[in-house]
PDB file of N, CA and C in Angstrom:
ATOM      1  N   UNK A   1      -0.020   0.099   9.157  1.00  0.00           N
ATOM      2  CA  UNK A   1       0.849  -0.956   9.643  1.00  0.00           C
ATOM      3  C   UNK A   1       0.239  -2.302   9.271  1.00  0.00           C
ATOM      4  N   UNK A   2       1.091  -3.178   8.851  1.00  0.00           N
ATOM      5  CA  UNK A   2       0.680  -4.539   8.532  1.00  0.00           C
ATOM      6  C   UNK A   2       1.254  -5.473   9.590  1.00  0.00           C
ATOM      7  N   UNK A   3       0.378  -6.289  10.176  1.00  0.00           N
ATOM      8  CA  UNK A   3       0.800  -7.238  11.201  1.00  0.00           C
ATOM      9  C   UNK A   3       0.441  -8.651  10.766  1.00  0.00           C
ATOM     10  N   UNK A   4       1.260  -9.593  11.207  1.00  0.00           N
ATOM     11  CA  UNK A   4       0.969 -11.010  11.016  1.00  0.00           C
ATOM     12  C   UNK A   4       1.267 -11.713  12.329  1.00  0.00           C
ATOM     13  N   UNK A   5       0.263 -12.366  12.883  1.00  0.00           N
ATOM     14  CA  UNK A   5       0.383 -13.046  14.177  1.00  0.00           C
ATOM     15  C   UNK A   5       0.907 -12.105  15.259  1.00  0.00           C
ATOM     16  N   UNK A   6       0.398 -10.869  15.251  1.00  0.00           N
ATOM     17  CA  UNK A   6       0.725  -9.902  16.284  1.00  0.00           C
ATOM     18  C   UNK A   6       2.055  -9.194  16.138  1.00  0.00           C
ATOM     19  N   UNK A   7       2.795  -9.461  15.065  1.00  0.00           N
ATOM     20  CA  UNK A   7       4.100  -8.824  14.863  1.00  0.00           C
ATOM     21  C   UNK A   7       4.107  -8.079  13.532  1.00  0.00           C
ATOM     22  N   UNK A   8       4.870  -6.959  13.465  1.00  0.00           N
ATOM     23  CA  UNK A   8       4.961  -6.239  12.192  1.00  0.00           C
ATOM     24  C   UNK A   8       5.441  -7.176  11.077  1.00  0.00           C
ATOM     25  N   UNK A   9       4.732  -7.136   9.964  1.00  0.00           N
ATOM     26  CA  UNK A   9       4.983  -8.046   8.842  1.00  0.00           C
ATOM     27  C   UNK A   9       6.000  -7.453   7.874  1.00  0.00           C
ATOM     28  N   UNK A  10       6.876  -8.303   7.344  1.00  0.00           N
ATOM     29  CA  UNK A  10       7.786  -7.939   6.256  1.00  0.00           C
ATOM     30  C   UNK A  10       7.561  -8.914   5.114  1.00  0.00           C
ATOM     31  N   UNK A  11       7.411  -8.376   3.911  1.00  0.00           N
ATOM     32  CA  UNK A  11       7.204  -9.214   2.735  1.00  0.00           C
ATOM     33  C   UNK A  11       6.275  -8.539   1.746  1.00  0.00           C
ATOM     34  N   UNK A  12       5.731  -9.329   0.847  1.00  0.00           N
ATOM     35  CA  UNK A  12       4.799  -8.821  -0.156  1.00  0.00           C
ATOM     36  C   UNK A  12       3.372  -8.912   0.379  1.00  0.00           C
ATOM     37  N   UNK A  13       2.559  -7.918   0.060  1.00  0.00           N
ATOM     38  CA  UNK A  13       1.140  -7.943   0.402  1.00  0.00           C
ATOM     39  C   UNK A  13       0.332  -7.725  -0.872  1.00  0.00           C
ATOM     40  N   UNK A  14      -0.923  -8.150  -0.843  1.00  0.00           N
ATOM     41  CA  UNK A  14      -1.796  -7.922  -1.995  1.00  0.00           C
ATOM     42  C   UNK A  14      -3.226  -7.776  -1.519  1.00  0.00           C
ATOM     43  N   UNK A  15      -4.040  -7.219  -2.390  1.00  0.00           N
ATOM     44  CA  UNK A  15      -5.463  -7.079  -2.114  1.00  0.00           C
ATOM     45  C   UNK A  15      -6.212  -7.611  -3.326  1.00  0.00           C
ATOM     46  N   UNK A  16      -7.421  -8.103  -3.095  1.00  0.00           N
ATOM     47  CA  UNK A  16      -8.246  -8.641  -4.173  1.00  0.00           C
ATOM     48  C   UNK A  16      -9.480  -7.766  -4.370  1.00  0.00           C
ATOM     49  N   UNK A  17      -9.979  -7.732  -5.601  1.00  0.00           N
ATOM     50  CA  UNK A  17     -11.260  -7.080  -5.837  1.00  0.00           C
ATOM     51  C   UNK A  17     -12.340  -7.839  -5.070  1.00  0.00           C
ATOM     52  N   UNK A  18     -13.393  -7.142  -4.649  1.00  0.00           N
ATOM     53  CA  UNK A  18     -14.500  -7.787  -3.923  1.00  0.00           C
ATOM     54  C   UNK A  18     -15.065  -8.952  -4.717  1.00  0.00           C
ATOM     55  N   UNK A  19     -15.346 -10.041  -4.030  1.00  0.00           N
ATOM     56  CA  UNK A  19     -15.956 -11.233  -4.635  1.00  0.00           C
ATOM     57  C   UNK A  19     -15.180 -11.737  -5.845  1.00  0.00           C
ATOM     58  N   UNK A  20     -13.847 -11.691  -5.763  1.00  0.00           N
ATOM     59  CA  UNK A  20     -13.037 -12.080  -6.910  1.00  0.00           C
ATOM     60  C   UNK A  20     -11.698 -12.633  -6.436  1.00  0.00           C
ATOM     61  N   UNK A  21     -11.052 -13.380  -7.295  1.00  0.00           N
ATOM     62  CA  UNK A  21      -9.681 -13.816  -7.040  1.00  0.00           C
ATOM     63  C   UNK A  21      -8.692 -12.983  -7.842  1.00  0.00           C
ATOM     64  N   UNK A  22      -9.152 -11.854  -8.370  1.00  0.00           N
ATOM     65  CA  UNK A  22      -8.311 -10.978  -9.179  1.00  0.00           C
ATOM     66  C   UNK A  22      -7.592  -9.985  -8.274  1.00  0.00           C
ATOM     67  N   UNK A  23      -6.281  -9.912  -8.410  1.00  0.00           N
ATOM     68  CA  UNK A  23      -5.471  -9.008  -7.586  1.00  0.00           C
ATOM     69  C   UNK A  23      -5.705  -7.565  -8.017  1.00  0.00           C
ATOM     70  N   UNK A  24      -5.958  -6.699  -7.037  1.00  0.00           N
ATOM     71  CA  UNK A  24      -6.170  -5.276  -7.315  1.00  0.00           C
ATOM     72  C   UNK A  24      -4.974  -4.418  -6.903  1.00  0.00           C
ATOM     73  N   UNK A  25      -4.103  -4.966  -6.042  1.00  0.00           N
ATOM     74  CA  UNK A  25      -3.019  -4.149  -5.486  1.00  0.00           C
ATOM     75  C   UNK A  25      -1.925  -5.062  -4.958  1.00  0.00           C
ATOM     76  N   UNK A  26      -0.680  -4.690  -5.196  1.00  0.00           N
ATOM     77  CA  UNK A  26       0.457  -5.383  -4.590  1.00  0.00           C
ATOM     78  C   UNK A  26       1.421  -4.338  -4.034  1.00  0.00           C
ATOM     79  N   UNK A  27       2.109  -4.690  -2.961  1.00  0.00           N
ATOM     80  CA  UNK A  27       3.074  -3.771  -2.360  1.00  0.00           C
ATOM     81  C   UNK A  27       4.089  -4.555  -1.546  1.00  0.00           C
ATOM     82  N   UNK A  28       5.191  -3.894  -1.255  1.00  0.00           N
ATOM     83  CA  UNK A  28       6.221  -4.445  -0.388  1.00  0.00           C
ATOM     84  C   UNK A  28       6.077  -3.779   0.977  1.00  0.00           C
ATOM     85  N   UNK A  29       6.262  -4.563   2.040  1.00  0.00           N
ATOM     86  CA  UNK A  29       6.143  -4.065   3.406  1.00  0.00           C
ATOM     87  C   UNK A  29       7.389  -4.487   4.181  1.00  0.00           C
ATOM     88  N   UNK A  30       7.970  -3.554   4.921  1.00  0.00           N
ATOM     89  CA  UNK A  30       9.124  -3.855   5.767  1.00  0.00           C
ATOM     90  C   UNK A  30       8.778  -3.452   7.197  1.00  0.00           C
ATOM     91  N   UNK A  31       8.823  -4.410   8.110  1.00  0.00           N
ATOM     92  CA  UNK A  31       8.490  -4.184   9.518  1.00  0.00           C
ATOM     93  C   UNK A  31       7.143  -3.484   9.673  1.00  0.00           C
ATOM     94  N   UNK A  32       6.170  -3.913   8.872  1.00  0.00           N
ATOM     95  CA  UNK A  32       4.816  -3.394   8.972  1.00  0.00           C
ATOM     96  C   UNK A  32       4.530  -2.130   8.182  1.00  0.00           C
ATOM     97  N   UNK A  33       5.555  -1.526   7.618  1.00  0.00           N
ATOM     98  CA  UNK A  33       5.407  -0.240   6.938  1.00  0.00           C
ATOM     99  C   UNK A  33       5.550  -0.423   5.433  1.00  0.00           C
ATOM    100  N   UNK A  34       4.573   0.084   4.646  1.00  0.00           N
ATOM    101  CA  UNK A  34       4.743   0.021   3.194  1.00  0.00           C
ATOM    102  C   UNK A  34       6.047   0.703   2.791  1.00  0.00           C
ATOM    103  N   UNK A  35       6.831   0.015   1.985  1.00  0.00           N
ATOM    104  CA  UNK A  35       8.143   0.519   1.599  1.00  0.00           C
ATOM    105  C   UNK A  35       8.486  -0.032   0.223  1.00  0.00           C
ATOM    106  N   UNK A  36       8.865   0.837  -0.659  1.00  0.00           N
ATOM    107  CA  UNK A  36       9.218   0.379  -1.994  1.00  0.00           C
ATOM    108  C   UNK A  36       8.045   0.459  -2.952  1.00  0.00           C
ATOM    109  N   UNK A  37       8.120  -0.321  -4.001  1.00  0.00           N
ATOM    110  CA  UNK A  37       7.173  -0.239  -5.112  1.00  0.00           C
ATOM    111  C   UNK A  37       5.807  -0.827  -4.762  1.00  0.00           C
ATOM    112  N   UNK A  38       4.755  -0.180  -5.292  1.00  0.00           N
ATOM    113  CA  UNK A  38       3.403  -0.717  -5.230  1.00  0.00           C
ATOM    114  C   UNK A  38       2.776  -0.587  -6.608  1.00  0.00           C
ATOM    115  N   UNK A  39       1.800  -1.444  -6.893  1.00  0.00           N
ATOM    116  CA  UNK A  39       1.108  -1.427  -8.181  1.00  0.00           C
ATOM    117  C   UNK A  39      -0.386  -1.637  -7.937  1.00  0.00           C
ATOM    118  N   UNK A  40      -1.216  -0.824  -8.588  1.00  0.00           N
ATOM    119  CA  UNK A  40      -2.672  -1.003  -8.573  1.00  0.00           C
ATOM    120  C   UNK A  40      -3.096  -1.496  -9.954  1.00  0.00           C
ATOM    121  N   UNK A  41      -3.927  -2.537  -9.957  1.00  0.00           N
ATOM    122  CA  UNK A  41      -4.345  -3.181 -11.201  1.00  0.00           C
ATOM    123  C   UNK A  41      -5.822  -2.939 -11.473  1.00  0.00           C
ATOM    124  N   UNK A  42      -6.183  -2.992 -12.763  1.00  0.00           N
ATOM    125  CA  UNK A  42      -7.582  -2.939 -13.169  1.00  0.00           C
ATOM    126  C   UNK A  42      -8.183  -4.333 -13.146  1.00  0.00           C
ATOM    127  N   UNK A  43      -9.462  -4.423 -13.467  1.00  0.00           N
ATOM    128  CA  UNK A  43     -10.175  -5.707 -13.426  1.00  0.00           C
ATOM    129  C   UNK A  43      -9.597  -6.747 -14.387  1.00  0.00           C
ATOM    130  N   UNK A  44      -8.937  -6.292 -15.441  1.00  0.00           N
ATOM    131  CA  UNK A  44      -8.364  -7.215 -16.426  1.00  0.00           C
ATOM    132  C   UNK A  44      -6.867  -7.434 -16.220  1.00  0.00           C
ATOM    133  N   UNK A  45      -6.353  -7.029 -15.059  1.00  0.00           N
ATOM    134  CA  UNK A  45      -4.946  -7.236 -14.751  1.00  0.00           C
ATOM    135  C   UNK A  45      -4.019  -6.160 -15.274  1.00  0.00           C
ATOM    136  N   UNK A  46      -4.580  -5.135 -15.925  1.00  0.00           N
ATOM    137  CA  UNK A  46      -3.749  -4.054 -16.450  1.00  0.00           C
ATOM    138  C   UNK A  46      -3.300  -3.131 -15.310  1.00  0.00           C
ATOM    139  N   UNK A  47      -2.108  -2.566 -15.433  1.00  0.00           N
ATOM    140  CA  UNK A  47      -1.589  -1.627 -14.439  1.00  0.00           C
ATOM    141  C   UNK A  47      -2.313  -0.297 -14.635  1.00  0.00           C
ATOM    142  N   UNK A  48      -3.005   0.173 -13.586  1.00  0.00           N
ATOM    143  CA  UNK A  48      -3.701   1.456 -13.683  1.00  0.00           C
ATOM    144  C   UNK A  48      -2.935   2.576 -12.986  1.00  0.00           C
ATOM    145  N   UNK A  49      -2.143   2.224 -12.008  1.00  0.00           N
ATOM    146  CA  UNK A  49      -1.248   3.196 -11.383  1.00  0.00           C
ATOM    147  C   UNK A  49      -0.161   2.434 -10.643  1.00  0.00           C
ATOM    148  N   UNK A  50       0.951   3.118 -10.459  1.00  0.00           N
ATOM    149  CA  UNK A  50       2.062   2.510  -9.727  1.00  0.00           C
ATOM    150  C   UNK A  50       2.836   3.610  -9.034  1.00  0.00           C
ATOM    151  N   UNK A  51       3.558   3.211  -8.012  1.00  0.00           N
ATOM    152  CA  UNK A  51       4.313   4.196  -7.268  1.00  0.00           C
ATOM    153  C   UNK A  51       5.297   3.546  -6.326  1.00  0.00           C
ATOM    154  N   UNK A  52       5.835   4.383  -5.453  1.00  0.00           N
ATOM    155  CA  UNK A  52       6.870   3.933  -4.528  1.00  0.00           C
ATOM    156  C   UNK A  52       6.693   4.657  -3.203  1.00  0.00           C
ATOM    157  N   UNK A  53       6.776   3.894  -2.114  1.00  0.00           N
ATOM    158  CA  UNK A  53       6.815   4.461  -0.770  1.00  0.00           C
ATOM    159  C   UNK A  53       8.275   4.596  -0.365  1.00  0.00           C
ATOM    160  N   UNK A  54       8.642   5.778   0.136  1.00  0.00           N
ATOM    161  CA  UNK A  54      10.008   6.034   0.586  1.00  0.00           C
ATOM    162  C   UNK A  54       9.927   6.562   2.015  1.00  0.00           C
ATOM    163  N   UNK A  55      10.478   5.823   2.971  1.00  0.00           N
ATOM    164  CA  UNK A  55      10.502   6.288   4.355  1.00  0.00           C
ATOM    165  C   UNK A  55      11.698   7.213   4.514  1.00  0.00           C
ATOM    166  N   UNK A  56      11.440   8.440   4.957  1.00  0.00           N
ATOM    167  CA  UNK A  56      12.491   9.445   5.092  1.00  0.00           C
ATOM    168  C   UNK A  56      13.113   9.384   6.479  1.00  0.00           C
ATOM    169  N   UNK A  57      14.384   9.669   6.551  1.00  0.00           N
ATOM    170  CA  UNK A  57      15.100   9.714   7.823  1.00  0.00           C
ATOM    171  C   UNK A  57      14.704  10.993   8.548  1.00  0.00           C
ATOM    172  N   UNK A  58      14.083  10.876   9.713  1.00  0.00           N
ATOM    173  CA  UNK A  58      13.661  12.062  10.463  1.00  0.00           C
ATOM    174  C   UNK A  58      14.794  12.641  11.298  1.00  0.00           C
ATOM    175  N   UNK A  59      15.935  12.007  11.283  1.00  0.00           N
ATOM    176  CA  UNK A  59      17.157  12.490  11.935  1.00  0.00           C
ATOM    177  C   UNK A  59      16.991  12.728  13.427  1.00  0.00           C
ATOM    178  N   UNK A  60      16.037  12.055  14.045  1.00  0.00           N
ATOM    179  CA  UNK A  60      15.922  12.054  15.496  1.00  0.00           C
ATOM    180  C   UNK A  60      15.436  13.320  16.155  1.00  0.00           C
ATOM    181  N   UNK A  61      15.482  14.465  15.490  1.00  0.00           N
ATOM    182  CA  UNK A  61      15.128  15.711  16.150  1.00  0.00           C
ATOM    183  C   UNK A  61      13.709  16.171  15.903  1.00  0.00           C
ATOM    184  N   UNK A  62      12.923  15.374  15.256  1.00  0.00           N
ATOM    185  CA  UNK A  62      11.563  15.783  14.929  1.00  0.00           C
ATOM    186  C   UNK A  62      10.559  15.224  15.922  1.00  0.00           C
ATOM    187  N   UNK A  63       9.351  15.744  15.825  1.00  0.00           N
ATOM    188  CA  UNK A  63       8.251  15.289  16.673  1.00  0.00           C
ATOM    189  C   UNK A  63       7.488  14.148  16.011  1.00  0.00           C
ATOM    190  N   UNK A  64       8.072  13.533  15.000  1.00  0.00           N
ATOM    191  CA  UNK A  64       7.375  12.537  14.208  1.00  0.00           C
ATOM    192  C   UNK A  64       7.952  11.153  14.451  1.00  0.00           C
ATOM    193  N   UNK A  65       7.083  10.159  14.435  1.00  0.00           N
ATOM    194  CA  UNK A  65       7.542   8.775  14.501  1.00  0.00           C
ATOM    195  C   UNK A  65       8.120   8.359  13.154  1.00  0.00           C
ATOM    196  N   UNK A  66       7.474   8.873  12.091  1.00  0.00           N
ATOM    197  CA  UNK A  66       7.906   8.480  10.748  1.00  0.00           C
ATOM    198  C   UNK A  66       7.362   9.480   9.735  1.00  0.00           C
ATOM    199  N   UNK A  67       8.110   9.686   8.669  1.00  0.00           N
ATOM    200  CA  UNK A  67       7.628  10.445   7.522  1.00  0.00           C
ATOM    201  C   UNK A  67       7.821   9.562   6.305  1.00  0.00           C
ATOM    202  N   UNK A  68       6.744   9.354   5.560  1.00  0.00           N
ATOM    203  CA  UNK A  68       6.812   8.527   4.362  1.00  0.00           C
ATOM    204  C   UNK A  68       6.389   9.364   3.165  1.00  0.00           C
ATOM    205  N   UNK A  69       7.200   9.329   2.131  1.00  0.00           N
ATOM    206  CA  UNK A  69       6.891   9.986   0.871  1.00  0.00           C
ATOM    207  C   UNK A  69       6.338   8.935  -0.076  1.00  0.00           C
ATOM    208  N   UNK A  70       5.214   9.238  -0.699  1.00  0.00           N
ATOM    209  CA  UNK A  70       4.665   8.342  -1.718  1.00  0.00           C
ATOM    210  C   UNK A  70       4.707   9.070  -3.052  1.00  0.00           C
ATOM    211  N   UNK A  71       5.436   8.512  -3.993  1.00  0.00           N
ATOM    212  CA  UNK A  71       5.504   9.061  -5.348  1.00  0.00           C
ATOM    213  C   UNK A  71       4.798   8.076  -6.257  1.00  0.00           C
ATOM    214  N   UNK A  72       3.846   8.568  -7.042  1.00  0.00           N
ATOM    215  CA  UNK A  72       3.093   7.659  -7.902  1.00  0.00           C
ATOM    216  C   UNK A  72       2.786   8.306  -9.240  1.00  0.00           C
ATOM    217  N   UNK A  73       2.303   7.471 -10.139  1.00  0.00           N
ATOM    218  CA  UNK A  73       1.955   7.933 -11.474  1.00  0.00           C
ATOM    219  C   UNK A  73       0.709   7.193 -11.924  1.00  0.00           C
ATOM    220  N   UNK A  74      -0.264   7.949 -12.396  1.00  0.00           N
ATOM    221  CA  UNK A  74      -1.483   7.373 -12.951  1.00  0.00           C
ATOM    222  C   UNK A  74      -1.665   7.989 -14.328  1.00  0.00           C
ATOM    223  N   UNK A  75      -1.609   7.150 -15.362  1.00  0.00           N
ATOM    224  CA  UNK A  75      -1.523   7.622 -16.741  1.00  0.00           C
ATOM    225  C   UNK A  75      -0.282   8.503 -16.844  1.00  0.00           C
ATOM    226  N   UNK A  76      -0.435   9.752 -17.199  1.00  0.00           N
ATOM    227  CA  UNK A  76       0.727  10.644 -17.294  1.00  0.00           C
ATOM    228  C   UNK A  76       0.795  11.627 -16.131  1.00  0.00           C
ATOM    229  N   UNK A  77      -0.059  11.449 -15.139  1.00  0.00           N
ATOM    230  CA  UNK A  77      -0.112  12.370 -14.007  1.00  0.00           C
ATOM    231  C   UNK A  77       0.763  11.849 -12.876  1.00  0.00           C
ATOM    232  N   UNK A  78       1.715  12.687 -12.439  1.00  0.00           N
ATOM    233  CA  UNK A  78       2.564  12.329 -11.303  1.00  0.00           C
ATOM    234  C   UNK A  78       1.939  12.883 -10.024  1.00  0.00           C
ATOM    235  N   UNK A  79       1.879  12.046  -8.999  1.00  0.00           N
ATOM    236  CA  UNK A  79       1.264  12.413  -7.726  1.00  0.00           C
ATOM    237  C   UNK A  79       2.284  12.163  -6.622  1.00  0.00           C
ATOM    238  N   UNK A  80       2.457  13.148  -5.752  1.00  0.00           N
ATOM    239  CA  UNK A  80       3.362  13.006  -4.621  1.00  0.00           C
ATOM    240  C   UNK A  80       2.601  13.316  -3.340  1.00  0.00           C
ATOM    241  N   UNK A  81       2.747  12.450  -2.339  1.00  0.00           N
ATOM    242  CA  UNK A  81       2.093  12.650  -1.046  1.00  0.00           C
ATOM    243  C   UNK A  81       3.127  12.464   0.054  1.00  0.00           C
ATOM    244  N   UNK A  82       2.940  13.200   1.134  1.00  0.00           N
ATOM    245  CA  UNK A  82       3.793  13.046   2.309  1.00  0.00           C
ATOM    246  C   UNK A  82       2.903  12.634   3.476  1.00  0.00           C
ATOM    247  N   UNK A  83       3.267  11.528   4.145  1.00  0.00           N
ATOM    248  CA  UNK A  83       2.538  11.047   5.312  1.00  0.00           C
ATOM    249  C   UNK A  83       3.407  11.273   6.542  1.00  0.00           C
ATOM    250  N   UNK A  84       2.891  12.029   7.500  1.00  0.00           N
ATOM    251  CA  UNK A  84       3.601  12.300   8.743  1.00  0.00           C
ATOM    252  C   UNK A  84       2.904  11.503   9.843  1.00  0.00           C
ATOM    253  N   UNK A  85       3.658  10.677  10.546  1.00  0.00           N
ATOM    254  CA  UNK A  85       3.102   9.833  11.604  1.00  0.00           C
ATOM    255  C   UNK A  85       3.651  10.309  12.942  1.00  0.00           C
ATOM    256  N   UNK A  86       2.739  10.533  13.893  1.00  0.00           N
ATOM    257  CA  UNK A  86       3.146  10.944  15.229  1.00  0.00           C
ATOM    258  C   UNK A  86       2.254  10.263  16.258  1.00  0.00           C
ATOM    259  N   UNK A  87       2.801   9.994  17.415  1.00  0.00           N
ATOM    260  CA  UNK A  87       2.031   9.414  18.512  1.00  0.00           C
ATOM    261  C   UNK A  87       1.476  10.486  19.444  1.00  0.00           C
ATOM    262  N   UNK A  88       1.933  11.732  19.267  1.00  0.00           N
ATOM    263  CA  UNK A  88       1.550  12.824  20.157  1.00  0.00           C
ATOM    264  C   UNK A  88       0.440  13.664  19.521  1.00  0.00           C
ATOM    265  N   UNK A  89      -0.786  13.611  20.060  1.00  0.00           N
ATOM    266  CA  UNK A  89      -1.884  14.375  19.461  1.00  0.00           C
ATOM    267  C   UNK A  89      -1.643  15.882  19.446  1.00  0.00           C
ATOM    268  N   UNK A  90      -0.820  16.392  20.366  1.00  0.00           N
ATOM    269  CA  UNK A  90      -0.542  17.829  20.382  1.00  0.00           C
ATOM    270  C   UNK A  90       0.277  18.264  19.171  1.00  0.00           C
ATOM    271  N   UNK A  91       1.051  17.359  18.616  1.00  0.00           N
ATOM    272  CA  UNK A  91       1.885  17.694  17.461  1.00  0.00           C
ATOM    273  C   UNK A  91       1.037  18.145  16.282  1.00  0.00           C
ATOM    274  N   UNK A  92      -0.100  17.501  16.056  1.00  0.00           N
ATOM    275  CA  UNK A  92      -0.907  17.825  14.879  1.00  0.00           C
ATOM    276  C   UNK A  92      -1.656  19.142  15.010  1.00  0.00           C
ATOM    277  N   UNK A  93      -1.655  19.739  16.191  1.00  0.00           N
ATOM    278  CA  UNK A  93      -2.352  21.011  16.384  1.00  0.00           C
ATOM    279  C   UNK A  93      -1.613  22.174  15.733  1.00  0.00           C
ATOM    280  N   UNK A  94      -0.312  22.041  15.533  1.00  0.00           N
ATOM    281  CA  UNK A  94       0.484  23.125  14.961  1.00  0.00           C
ATOM    282  C   UNK A  94       0.852  22.784  13.515  1.00  0.00           C
ATOM    283  N   UNK A  95      -0.119  22.913  12.615  1.00  0.00           N
ATOM    284  CA  UNK A  95       0.091  22.543  11.219  1.00  0.00           C
ATOM    285  C   UNK A  95       1.213  23.333  10.542  1.00  0.00           C
ATOM    286  N   UNK A  96       1.306  24.659  10.749  1.00  0.00           N
ATOM    287  CA  UNK A  96       2.413  25.387  10.107  1.00  0.00           C
ATOM    288  C   UNK A  96       3.789  24.858  10.528  1.00  0.00           C
ATOM    289  N   UNK A  97       3.923  24.476  11.804  1.00  0.00           N
ATOM    290  CA  UNK A  97       5.201  23.942  12.286  1.00  0.00           C
ATOM    291  C   UNK A  97       5.507  22.601  11.621  1.00  0.00           C
ATOM    292  N   UNK A  98       4.498  21.748  11.482  1.00  0.00           N
ATOM    293  CA  UNK A  98       4.703  20.455  10.828  1.00  0.00           C
ATOM    294  C   UNK A  98       5.134  20.660   9.388  1.00  0.00           C
ATOM    295  N   UNK A  99       4.424  21.537   8.667  1.00  0.00           N
ATOM    296  CA  UNK A  99       4.758  21.776   7.259  1.00  0.00           C
ATOM    297  C   UNK A  99       6.164  22.338   7.133  1.00  0.00           C
ATOM    298  N   UNK A 100       6.543  23.251   8.032  1.00  0.00           N
ATOM    299  CA  UNK A 100       7.894  23.811   8.010  1.00  0.00           C
ATOM    300  C   UNK A 100       8.946  22.714   8.217  1.00  0.00           C
ATOM    301  N   UNK A 101       8.736  21.847   9.219  1.00  0.00           N
ATOM    302  CA  UNK A 101       9.700  20.772   9.488  1.00  0.00           C
ATOM    303  C   UNK A 101       9.773  19.783   8.328  1.00  0.00           C
ATOM    304  N   UNK A 102       8.622  19.458   7.751  1.00  0.00           N
ATOM    305  CA  UNK A 102       8.614  18.537   6.611  1.00  0.00           C
ATOM    306  C   UNK A 102       9.356  19.162   5.437  1.00  0.00           C
ATOM    307  N   UNK A 103       9.107  20.446   5.168  1.00  0.00           N
ATOM    308  CA  UNK A 103       9.800  21.116   4.066  1.00  0.00           C
ATOM    309  C   UNK A 103      11.306  21.152   4.276  1.00  0.00           C
ATOM    310  N   UNK A 104      11.759  21.392   5.511  1.00  0.00           N
ATOM    311  CA  UNK A 104      13.198  21.374   5.801  1.00  0.00           C
ATOM    312  C   UNK A 104      13.787  19.992   5.545  1.00  0.00           C
ATOM    313  N   UNK A 105      13.073  18.966   5.973  1.00  0.00           N
ATOM    314  CA  UNK A 105      13.533  17.597   5.762  1.00  0.00           C
ATOM    315  C   UNK A 105      13.588  17.265   4.272  1.00  0.00           C
ATOM    316  N   UNK A 106      12.568  17.685   3.523  1.00  0.00           N
ATOM    317  CA  UNK A 106      12.565  17.446   2.078  1.00  0.00           C
ATOM    318  C   UNK A 106      13.719  18.181   1.407  1.00  0.00           C
ATOM    319  N   UNK A 107      13.997  19.415   1.861  1.00  0.00           N
ATOM    320  CA  UNK A 107      15.142  20.172   1.332  1.00  0.00           C
ATOM    321  C   UNK A 107      16.447  19.412   1.524  1.00  0.00           C
ATOM    322  N   UNK A 108      16.649  18.895   2.745  1.00  0.00           N
ATOM    323  CA  UNK A 108      17.888  18.171   3.053  1.00  0.00           C
ATOM    324  C   UNK A 108      18.069  16.949   2.169  1.00  0.00           C
ATOM    325  N   UNK A 109      16.955  16.379   1.719  1.00  0.00           N
ATOM    326  CA  UNK A 109      17.029  15.170   0.907  1.00  0.00           C
ATOM    327  C   UNK A 109      16.796  15.472  -0.572  1.00  0.00           C
ATOM    328  N   UNK A 110      16.876  16.786  -0.927  1.00  0.00           N
ATOM    329  CA  UNK A 110      16.732  17.234  -2.318  1.00  0.00           C
ATOM    330  C   UNK A 110      15.433  16.767  -2.965  1.00  0.00           C
ATOM    331  N   UNK A 111      14.339  16.873  -2.227  1.00  0.00           N
ATOM    332  CA  UNK A 111      13.019  16.517  -2.733  1.00  0.00           C
ATOM    333  C   UNK A 111      12.208  17.806  -2.826  1.00  0.00           C
ATOM    334  N   UNK A 112      11.518  18.003  -3.938  1.00  0.00           N
ATOM    335  CA  UNK A 112      10.751  19.216  -4.181  1.00  0.00           C
ATOM    336  C   UNK A 112       9.787  19.508  -3.038  1.00  0.00           C
ATOM    337  N   UNK A 113       9.761  20.776  -2.587  1.00  0.00           N
ATOM    338  CA  UNK A 113       8.885  21.161  -1.477  1.00  0.00           C
ATOM    339  C   UNK A 113       7.463  21.447  -1.927  1.00  0.00           C
ATOM    340  N   UNK A 114       7.238  21.608  -3.208  1.00  0.00           N
ATOM    341  CA  UNK A 114       5.900  21.975  -3.660  1.00  0.00           C
ATOM    342  C   UNK A 114       4.928  20.802  -3.645  1.00  0.00           C
ATOM    343  N   UNK A 115       5.368  19.646  -3.134  1.00  0.00           N
ATOM    344  CA  UNK A 115       4.488  18.481  -3.148  1.00  0.00           C
ATOM    345  C   UNK A 115       3.538  18.447  -1.956  1.00  0.00           C
ATOM    346  N   UNK A 116       3.772  19.273  -0.938  1.00  0.00           N
ATOM    347  CA  UNK A 116       2.881  19.286   0.220  1.00  0.00           C
ATOM    348  C   UNK A 116       1.769  20.288  -0.076  1.00  0.00           C
ATOM    349  N   UNK A 117       0.613  19.781  -0.514  1.00  0.00           N
ATOM    350  CA  UNK A 117      -0.447  20.684  -0.939  1.00  0.00           C
ATOM    351  C   UNK A 117      -1.699  20.602  -0.074  1.00  0.00           C
ATOM    352  N   UNK A 118      -1.843  19.570   0.701  1.00  0.00           N
ATOM    353  CA  UNK A 118      -3.014  19.480   1.562  1.00  0.00           C
ATOM    354  C   UNK A 118      -2.644  18.797   2.871  1.00  0.00           C
ATOM    355  N   UNK A 119      -3.482  18.993   3.867  1.00  0.00           N
ATOM    356  CA  UNK A 119      -3.216  18.465   5.198  1.00  0.00           C
ATOM    357  C   UNK A 119      -4.421  17.661   5.633  1.00  0.00           C
ATOM    358  N   UNK A 120      -4.244  16.378   5.827  1.00  0.00           N
ATOM    359  CA  UNK A 120      -5.336  15.495   6.222  1.00  0.00           C
ATOM    360  C   UNK A 120      -4.945  14.806   7.521  1.00  0.00           C
ATOM    361  N   UNK A 121      -5.849  14.791   8.487  1.00  0.00           N
ATOM    362  CA  UNK A 121      -5.576  14.140   9.766  1.00  0.00           C
ATOM    363  C   UNK A 121      -6.312  12.813   9.847  1.00  0.00           C
ATOM    364  N   UNK A 122      -5.613  11.799  10.324  1.00  0.00           N
ATOM    365  CA  UNK A 122      -6.219  10.493  10.578  1.00  0.00           C
ATOM    366  C   UNK A 122      -5.959  10.135  12.028  1.00  0.00           C
ATOM    367  N   UNK A 123      -6.928   9.549  12.676  1.00  0.00           N
ATOM    368  CA  UNK A 123      -6.727   9.062  14.037  1.00  0.00           C
ATOM    369  C   UNK A 123      -6.957   7.567  14.051  1.00  0.00           C
ATOM    370  N   UNK A 124      -6.094   6.843  14.760  1.00  0.00           N
ATOM    371  CA  UNK A 124      -6.210   5.389  14.854  1.00  0.00           C
ATOM    372  C   UNK A 124      -6.386   4.986  16.291  1.00  0.00           C
TER     373      UNK A 124
END
């Protein structure tokens, strides 16, 4: 989540390389959530990878606050990631159930199910 003055931020964001004024990353953020195109740059300003964040409609019946699909490309390699956000710590205990629900949601939106290949937990 991106915040500005205590409120979710909407607009463009960027990051700089350490000890430099050279941009390393740009992205679009809507209501604090990365959404749309992002670009990662090399030290000389060249594009090293780019992608898109897509927030999926959870249709209200899921245990998730949000599901975001990230589709990216680095050189000729396509990378797809699914981020599942939940406020309930018990939800993450049932990984098979989460994967099943995510796969059903991806099916409904005609997105390939083979993109869910690993499960990583983050706590904030």
